[in-house]
């Protein structure tokens, strides 16, 4: 299958980085603040270094973009996008909902990726045309189309990206059967596994979204920016089952 090597590498490195992060967590964490006042730890940097070195061994010509500064221009049309610990605040506080995210892009299209949630013993991956998988079992989004039966996963009601629709948000949310807000990547993985039906991410960078896009799409879901674009570079995103996209557009438009 195409992209088998990329999928297997993403899975391997996500698990290795997850184990390293857990080791740091056991020894104690001292967070620092980055220039944007978001937290970072030595574990974030060590995990990104591990992933960067693993990619460099296997695909030395490929570019790399990482949240913590790893940045190498591609000598071809391929790039890896890394979030070594997505959910650093959860990681610092001991909330078991952080993840390692690794996505692979060629010619601007995400074609493979893996997301590992160590504290949940969950490894989710996808490759273009290969379907989406969780711990070895193929996953699909749900077939829900009725809001009275639908679960909304919404990450960050306090984020700046919510302001554009805050006046109608609560009335929109109240139509869902249930609402959950566990964290960006974990919420997206609920959608891909058929456990939630709409996922809203008001503020995000490319590294927050790269593997989630291919995982959701290969599971049969839709992934777009708030502007309706097929991209991880829109600074926000939504995912949903096909039958509920009109409801999402009601909020965003």
Foldseek 3Di string as FASTA:
>chain_A
DPCPVVQVLQQVLQVVLLVQLVVDLVVAWDWDADPVRDIDTPSQVVSVVSSVVSCCVVPVQEFEAEPVDRTDDHNAQKYKYWRSWAPVVCSNVVNQAIWTKIFMDGNQDTAWIWIARPSVRWIWIAGVPGAIDIPRHGAAAAPDQQQLAFEEEEECPPDPLCVVQVVCVVVLVVSHNYYHYRHQVSRLVCRLRHNGFKYWWRFDALNSCRRSLRSLVSNQKDKAALVRHSHSHNRIMMIGHVSCVVSSVVRSD
